[in-house]
Amino acid sequence: MNAIDGTLVYKPKEFRFNGKTDIVALASSKLENYNLKDRLVILGNDSEARLEAINKGAGMYCCFLDRRN
């Protein structure tokens, strides 16, 4: 698996991806209204949302981290 100027942090034993992708801009409802099972999920820098995506069965997710200071 390749990353664009990034790091692969975790790779599950079994890769699950159904071909669907969600780009999630969080609102007050967080991820409760999203079906993320086996999908590619692109999130911002929100650690709670990342854990929730994993717990909801996301096949894989990408997280944006702004490293500019």
PDB file of N, CA and C in Angstrom:
ATOM      1  N   MET A   1       0.848  -1.162   0.000  1.00  0.00           N
ATOM      2  CA  MET A   1       0.000   0.000   0.000  1.00  0.00           C
ATOM      3  C   MET A   1       0.898   1.230   0.000  1.00  0.00           C
ATOM      4  N   ASN A   2       0.575   2.207  -0.806  1.00  0.00           N
ATOM      5  CA  ASN A   2       1.359   3.434  -0.901  1.00  0.00           C
ATOM      6  C   ASN A   2       0.616   4.592  -0.258  1.00  0.00           C
ATOM      7  N   ALA A   3       1.352   5.553   0.220  1.00  0.00           N
ATOM      8  CA  ALA A   3       0.771   6.772   0.770  1.00  0.00           C
ATOM      9  C   ALA A   3       1.457   7.952   0.098  1.00  0.00           C
ATOM     10  N   ILE A   4       0.725   9.026  -0.090  1.00  0.00           N
ATOM     11  CA  ILE A   4       1.298  10.244  -0.656  1.00  0.00           C
ATOM     12  C   ILE A   4       1.810  11.068   0.510  1.00  0.00           C
ATOM     13  N   ASP A   5       3.141  11.087   0.665  1.00  0.00           N
ATOM     14  CA  ASP A   5       3.762  11.832   1.755  1.00  0.00           C
ATOM     15  C   ASP A   5       3.088  11.514   3.083  1.00  0.00           C
ATOM     16  N   GLY A   6       2.881  10.237   3.359  1.00  0.00           N
ATOM     17  CA  GLY A   6       2.227   9.835   4.588  1.00  0.00           C
ATOM     18  C   GLY A   6       2.758   8.505   5.084  1.00  0.00           C
ATOM     19  N   THR A   7       2.115   7.993   6.100  1.00  0.00           N
ATOM     20  CA  THR A   7       2.541   6.758   6.729  1.00  0.00           C
ATOM     21  C   THR A   7       1.354   5.833   6.910  1.00  0.00           C
ATOM     22  N   LEU A   8       1.541   4.562   6.586  1.00  0.00           N
ATOM     23  CA  LEU A   8       0.529   3.556   6.872  1.00  0.00           C
ATOM     24  C   LEU A   8       0.692   3.180   8.333  1.00  0.00           C
ATOM     25  N   VAL A   9      -0.315   3.471   9.152  1.00  0.00           N
ATOM     26  CA  VAL A   9      -0.220   3.263  10.586  1.00  0.00           C
ATOM     27  C   VAL A   9      -0.718   1.883  10.979  1.00  0.00           C
ATOM     28  N   TYR A  10      -1.746   1.402  10.319  1.00  0.00           N
ATOM     29  CA  TYR A  10      -2.348   0.120  10.682  1.00  0.00           C
ATOM     30  C   TYR A  10      -2.866  -0.551   9.426  1.00  0.00           C
ATOM     31  N   LYS A  11      -2.634  -1.833   9.308  1.00  0.00           N
ATOM     32  CA  LYS A  11      -3.165  -2.606   8.192  1.00  0.00           C
ATOM     33  C   LYS A  11      -3.814  -3.863   8.764  1.00  0.00           C
ATOM     34  N   PRO A  12      -5.131  -4.031   8.577  1.00  0.00           N
ATOM     35  CA  PRO A  12      -5.806  -5.208   9.130  1.00  0.00           C
ATOM     36  C   PRO A  12      -5.371  -6.489   8.425  1.00  0.00           C
ATOM     37  N   LYS A  13      -5.588  -7.620   9.086  1.00  0.00           N
ATOM     38  CA  LYS A  13      -5.248  -8.914   8.493  1.00  0.00           C
ATOM     39  C   LYS A  13      -6.019  -9.138   7.204  1.00  0.00           C
ATOM     40  N   GLU A  14      -7.290  -8.772   7.212  1.00  0.00           N
ATOM     41  CA  GLU A  14      -8.150  -8.958   6.040  1.00  0.00           C
ATOM     42  C   GLU A  14      -8.588  -7.589   5.519  1.00  0.00           C
ATOM     43  N   PHE A  15      -8.239  -7.281   4.280  1.00  0.00           N
ATOM     44  CA  PHE A  15      -8.609  -6.001   3.678  1.00  0.00           C
ATOM     45  C   PHE A  15     -10.045  -6.070   3.177  1.00  0.00           C
ATOM     46  N   ARG A  16     -10.891  -5.111   3.583  1.00  0.00           N
ATOM     47  CA  ARG A  16     -12.294  -5.079   3.183  1.00  0.00           C
ATOM     48  C   ARG A  16     -12.591  -3.733   2.521  1.00  0.00           C
ATOM     49  N   PHE A  17     -12.999  -3.777   1.251  1.00  0.00           N
ATOM     50  CA  PHE A  17     -13.352  -2.538   0.555  1.00  0.00           C
ATOM     51  C   PHE A  17     -14.404  -2.867  -0.481  1.00  0.00           C
ATOM     52  N   ASN A  18     -15.584  -2.227  -0.365  1.00  0.00           N
ATOM     53  CA  ASN A  18     -16.693  -2.523  -1.272  1.00  0.00           C
ATOM     54  C   ASN A  18     -16.757  -1.587  -2.476  1.00  0.00           C
ATOM     55  N   GLY A  19     -15.751  -0.731  -2.651  1.00  0.00           N
ATOM     56  CA  GLY A  19     -15.721   0.170  -3.794  1.00  0.00           C
ATOM     57  C   GLY A  19     -16.367   1.522  -3.540  1.00  0.00           C
ATOM     58  N   LYS A  20     -17.008   1.696  -2.385  1.00  0.00           N
ATOM     59  CA  LYS A  20     -17.667   2.967  -2.067  1.00  0.00           C
ATOM     60  C   LYS A  20     -16.736   3.832  -1.232  1.00  0.00           C
ATOM     61  N   THR A  21     -16.835   5.154  -1.455  1.00  0.00           N
ATOM     62  CA  THR A  21     -15.993   6.115  -0.747  1.00  0.00           C
ATOM     63  C   THR A  21     -16.863   7.197  -0.140  1.00  0.00           C
ATOM     64  N   ASP A  22     -16.557   7.582   1.102  1.00  0.00           N
ATOM     65  CA  ASP A  22     -17.240   8.682   1.775  1.00  0.00           C
ATOM     66  C   ASP A  22     -16.218   9.731   2.170  1.00  0.00           C
ATOM     67  N   ILE A  23     -16.477  10.981   1.802  1.00  0.00           N
ATOM     68  CA  ILE A  23     -15.693  12.109   2.287  1.00  0.00           C
ATOM     69  C   ILE A  23     -16.586  12.785   3.307  1.00  0.00           C
ATOM     70  N   VAL A  24     -16.180  12.737   4.566  1.00  0.00           N
ATOM     71  CA  VAL A  24     -17.072  13.125   5.651  1.00  0.00           C
ATOM     72  C   VAL A  24     -16.675  14.479   6.225  1.00  0.00           C
ATOM     73  N   ALA A  25     -17.600  15.433   6.141  1.00  0.00           N
ATOM     74  CA  ALA A  25     -17.469  16.705   6.841  1.00  0.00           C
ATOM     75  C   ALA A  25     -18.400  16.599   8.040  1.00  0.00           C
ATOM     76  N   LEU A  26     -17.839  16.559   9.220  1.00  0.00           N
ATOM     77  CA  LEU A  26     -18.636  16.271  10.404  1.00  0.00           C
ATOM     78  C   LEU A  26     -19.531  17.435  10.793  1.00  0.00           C
ATOM     79  N   ALA A  27     -20.699  17.078  11.246  1.00  0.00           N
ATOM     80  CA  ALA A  27     -21.656  18.033  11.783  1.00  0.00           C
ATOM     81  C   ALA A  27     -21.930  17.624  13.224  1.00  0.00           C
ATOM     82  N   SER A  28     -22.948  18.190  13.825  1.00  0.00           N
ATOM     83  CA  SER A  28     -23.256  17.856  15.213  1.00  0.00           C
ATOM     84  C   SER A  28     -23.638  16.391  15.383  1.00  0.00           C
ATOM     85  N   SER A  29     -24.114  15.753  14.312  1.00  0.00           N
ATOM     86  CA  SER A  29     -24.514  14.342  14.395  1.00  0.00           C
ATOM     87  C   SER A  29     -23.319  13.399  14.359  1.00  0.00           C
ATOM     88  N   LYS A  30     -22.109  13.939  14.150  1.00  0.00           N
ATOM     89  CA  LYS A  30     -20.892  13.128  14.013  1.00  0.00           C
ATOM     90  C   LYS A  30     -21.103  12.079  12.932  1.00  0.00           C
ATOM     91  N   LEU A  31     -20.776  10.824  13.203  1.00  0.00           N
ATOM     92  CA  LEU A  31     -20.872   9.790  12.170  1.00  0.00           C
ATOM     93  C   LEU A  31     -22.095   8.900  12.327  1.00  0.00           C
ATOM     94  N   GLU A  32     -23.026   9.261  13.198  1.00  0.00           N
ATOM     95  CA  GLU A  32     -24.159   8.369  13.476  1.00  0.00           C
ATOM     96  C   GLU A  32     -25.030   8.101  12.248  1.00  0.00           C
ATOM     97  N   ASN A  33     -25.073   9.015  11.292  1.00  0.00           N
ATOM     98  CA  ASN A  33     -25.926   8.831  10.113  1.00  0.00           C
ATOM     99  C   ASN A  33     -25.198   8.210   8.923  1.00  0.00           C
ATOM    100  N   TYR A  34     -23.951   7.813   9.109  1.00  0.00           N
ATOM    101  CA  TYR A  34     -23.159   7.268   8.007  1.00  0.00           C
ATOM    102  C   TYR A  34     -23.012   5.757   8.120  1.00  0.00           C
ATOM    103  N   ASN A  35     -23.233   5.050   7.006  1.00  0.00           N
ATOM    104  CA  ASN A  35     -22.942   3.624   6.915  1.00  0.00           C
ATOM    105  C   ASN A  35     -21.534   3.513   6.344  1.00  0.00           C
ATOM    106  N   LEU A  36     -20.580   3.139   7.163  1.00  0.00           N
ATOM    107  CA  LEU A  36     -19.177   3.143   6.756  1.00  0.00           C
ATOM    108  C   LEU A  36     -18.604   1.752   6.538  1.00  0.00           C
ATOM    109  N   LYS A  37     -19.403   0.725   6.721  1.00  0.00           N
ATOM    110  CA  LYS A  37     -18.893  -0.646   6.657  1.00  0.00           C
ATOM    111  C   LYS A  37     -18.231  -0.920   5.310  1.00  0.00           C
ATOM    112  N   ASP A  38     -16.978  -1.341   5.357  1.00  0.00           N
ATOM    113  CA  ASP A  38     -16.183  -1.745   4.193  1.00  0.00           C
ATOM    114  C   ASP A  38     -15.972  -0.631   3.169  1.00  0.00           C
ATOM    115  N   ARG A  39     -16.089   0.623   3.575  1.00  0.00           N
ATOM    116  CA  ARG A  39     -15.896   1.758   2.668  1.00  0.00           C
ATOM    117  C   ARG A  39     -14.573   2.456   2.947  1.00  0.00           C
ATOM    118  N   LEU A  40     -14.077   3.165   1.938  1.00  0.00           N
ATOM    119  CA  LEU A  40     -12.962   4.082   2.124  1.00  0.00           C
ATOM    120  C   LEU A  40     -13.553   5.359   2.708  1.00  0.00           C
ATOM    121  N   VAL A  41     -13.032   5.809   3.833  1.00  0.00           N
ATOM    122  CA  VAL A  41     -13.559   6.995   4.503  1.00  0.00           C
ATOM    123  C   VAL A  41     -12.435   8.022   4.609  1.00  0.00           C
ATOM    124  N   ILE A  42     -12.707   9.235   4.161  1.00  0.00           N
ATOM    125  CA  ILE A  42     -11.735  10.327   4.247  1.00  0.00           C
ATOM    126  C   ILE A  42     -12.248  11.311   5.291  1.00  0.00           C
ATOM    127  N   LEU A  43     -11.452  11.504   6.336  1.00  0.00           N
ATOM    128  CA  LEU A  43     -11.837  12.346   7.468  1.00  0.00           C
ATOM    129  C   LEU A  43     -10.825  13.455   7.678  1.00  0.00           C
ATOM    130  N   GLY A  44     -11.210  14.418   8.478  1.00  0.00           N
ATOM    131  CA  GLY A  44     -10.283  15.447   8.911  1.00  0.00           C
ATOM    132  C   GLY A  44      -9.522  14.984  10.143  1.00  0.00           C
ATOM    133  N   ASN A  45      -8.895  15.910  10.816  1.00  0.00           N
ATOM    134  CA  ASN A  45      -8.057  15.605  11.973  1.00  0.00           C
ATOM    135  C   ASN A  45      -8.902  15.601  13.248  1.00  0.00           C
ATOM    136  N   ASP A  46      -9.740  14.588  13.414  1.00  0.00           N
ATOM    137  CA  ASP A  46     -10.632  14.450  14.570  1.00  0.00           C
ATOM    138  C   ASP A  46     -10.472  13.037  15.114  1.00  0.00           C
ATOM    139  N   SER A  47      -9.769  12.901  16.234  1.00  0.00           N
ATOM    140  CA  SER A  47      -9.453  11.567  16.754  1.00  0.00           C
ATOM    141  C   SER A  47     -10.701  10.782  17.134  1.00  0.00           C
ATOM    142  N   GLU A  48     -11.745  11.440  17.641  1.00  0.00           N
ATOM    143  CA  GLU A  48     -12.995  10.739  17.966  1.00  0.00           C
ATOM    144  C   GLU A  48     -13.632  10.172  16.708  1.00  0.00           C
ATOM    145  N   ALA A  49     -13.637  10.940  15.633  1.00  0.00           N
ATOM    146  CA  ALA A  49     -14.225  10.480  14.372  1.00  0.00           C
ATOM    147  C   ALA A  49     -13.435   9.308  13.804  1.00  0.00           C
ATOM    148  N   ARG A  50     -12.117   9.341  13.925  1.00  0.00           N
ATOM    149  CA  ARG A  50     -11.301   8.228  13.429  1.00  0.00           C
ATOM    150  C   ARG A  50     -11.643   6.940  14.156  1.00  0.00           C
ATOM    151  N   LEU A  51     -11.748   6.996  15.486  1.00  0.00           N
ATOM    152  CA  LEU A  51     -12.107   5.804  16.261  1.00  0.00           C
ATOM    153  C   LEU A  51     -13.510   5.327  15.914  1.00  0.00           C
ATOM    154  N   GLU A  52     -14.441   6.259  15.746  1.00  0.00           N
ATOM    155  CA  GLU A  52     -15.808   5.880  15.398  1.00  0.00           C
ATOM    156  C   GLU A  52     -15.863   5.224  14.021  1.00  0.00           C
ATOM    157  N   ALA A  53     -15.097   5.726  13.062  1.00  0.00           N
ATOM    158  CA  ALA A  53     -15.063   5.116  11.726  1.00  0.00           C
ATOM    159  C   ALA A  53     -14.550   3.682  11.804  1.00  0.00           C
ATOM    160  N   ILE A  54     -13.511   3.462  12.591  1.00  0.00           N
ATOM    161  CA  ILE A  54     -12.986   2.108  12.769  1.00  0.00           C
ATOM    162  C   ILE A  54     -14.038   1.221  13.418  1.00  0.00           C
ATOM    163  N   ASN A  55     -14.686   1.716  14.469  1.00  0.00           N
ATOM    164  CA  ASN A  55     -15.708   0.935  15.170  1.00  0.00           C
ATOM    165  C   ASN A  55     -16.926   0.648  14.303  1.00  0.00           C
ATOM    166  N   LYS A  56     -17.198   1.510  13.316  1.00  0.00           N
ATOM    167  CA  LYS A  56     -18.334   1.286  12.412  1.00  0.00           C
ATOM    168  C   LYS A  56     -17.960   0.403  11.228  1.00  0.00           C
ATOM    169  N   GLY A  57     -16.733  -0.121  11.213  1.00  0.00           N
ATOM    170  CA  GLY A  57     -16.345  -1.097  10.200  1.00  0.00           C
ATOM    171  C   GLY A  57     -15.782  -0.540   8.915  1.00  0.00           C
ATOM    172  N   ALA A  58     -15.272   0.695   8.952  1.00  0.00           N
ATOM    173  CA  ALA A  58     -14.665   1.250   7.741  1.00  0.00           C
ATOM    174  C   ALA A  58     -13.579   0.309   7.244  1.00  0.00           C
ATOM    175  N   GLY A  59     -13.586   0.042   5.932  1.00  0.00           N
ATOM    176  CA  GLY A  59     -12.568  -0.823   5.356  1.00  0.00           C
ATOM    177  C   GLY A  59     -11.192  -0.201   5.473  1.00  0.00           C
ATOM    178  N   MET A  60     -11.117   1.085   5.243  1.00  0.00           N
ATOM    179  CA  MET A  60      -9.898   1.847   5.479  1.00  0.00           C
ATOM    180  C   MET A  60     -10.290   3.306   5.530  1.00  0.00           C
ATOM    181  N   TYR A  61      -9.459   4.113   6.138  1.00  0.00           N
ATOM    182  CA  TYR A  61      -9.756   5.537   6.164  1.00  0.00           C
ATOM    183  C   TYR A  61      -8.487   6.332   5.982  1.00  0.00           C
ATOM    184  N   CYS A  62      -8.681   7.542   5.485  1.00  0.00           N
ATOM    185  CA  CYS A  62      -7.582   8.484   5.301  1.00  0.00           C
ATOM    186  C   CYS A  62      -7.857   9.667   6.203  1.00  0.00           C
ATOM    187  N   CYS A  63      -6.820  10.188   6.773  1.00  0.00           N
ATOM    188  CA  CYS A  63      -6.976  11.310   7.688  1.00  0.00           C
ATOM    189  C   CYS A  63      -6.073  12.446   7.236  1.00  0.00           C
ATOM    190  N   PHE A  64      -6.601  13.644   7.197  1.00  0.00           N
ATOM    191  CA  PHE A  64      -5.815  14.817   6.844  1.00  0.00           C
ATOM    192  C   PHE A  64      -5.168  15.370   8.104  1.00  0.00           C
ATOM    193  N   LEU A  65      -3.875  15.554   8.076  1.00  0.00           N
ATOM    194  CA  LEU A  65      -3.150  16.188   9.172  1.00  0.00           C
ATOM    195  C   LEU A  65      -2.379  17.367   8.612  1.00  0.00           C
ATOM    196  N   ASP A  66      -2.638  18.538   9.109  1.00  0.00           N
ATOM    197  CA  ASP A  66      -1.922  19.733   8.666  1.00  0.00           C
ATOM    198  C   ASP A  66      -0.688  19.902   9.540  1.00  0.00           C
ATOM    199  N   ARG A  67       0.478  19.736   8.953  1.00  0.00           N
ATOM    200  CA  ARG A  67       1.721  19.807   9.719  1.00  0.00           C
ATOM    201  C   ARG A  67       2.392  21.170   9.608  1.00  0.00           C
ATOM    202  N   ARG A  68       1.744  22.117   9.005  1.00  0.00           N
ATOM    203  CA  ARG A  68       2.336  23.453   8.899  1.00  0.00           C
ATOM    204  C   ARG A  68       2.221  24.150  10.243  1.00  0.00           C
ATOM    205  N   ASN A  69       3.277  24.784  10.660  1.00  0.00           N
ATOM    206  CA  ASN A  69       3.261  25.523  11.938  1.00  0.00           C
ATOM    207  C   ASN A  69       3.612  26.968  11.721  1.00  0.00           C
TER     208      ASN A  69
END
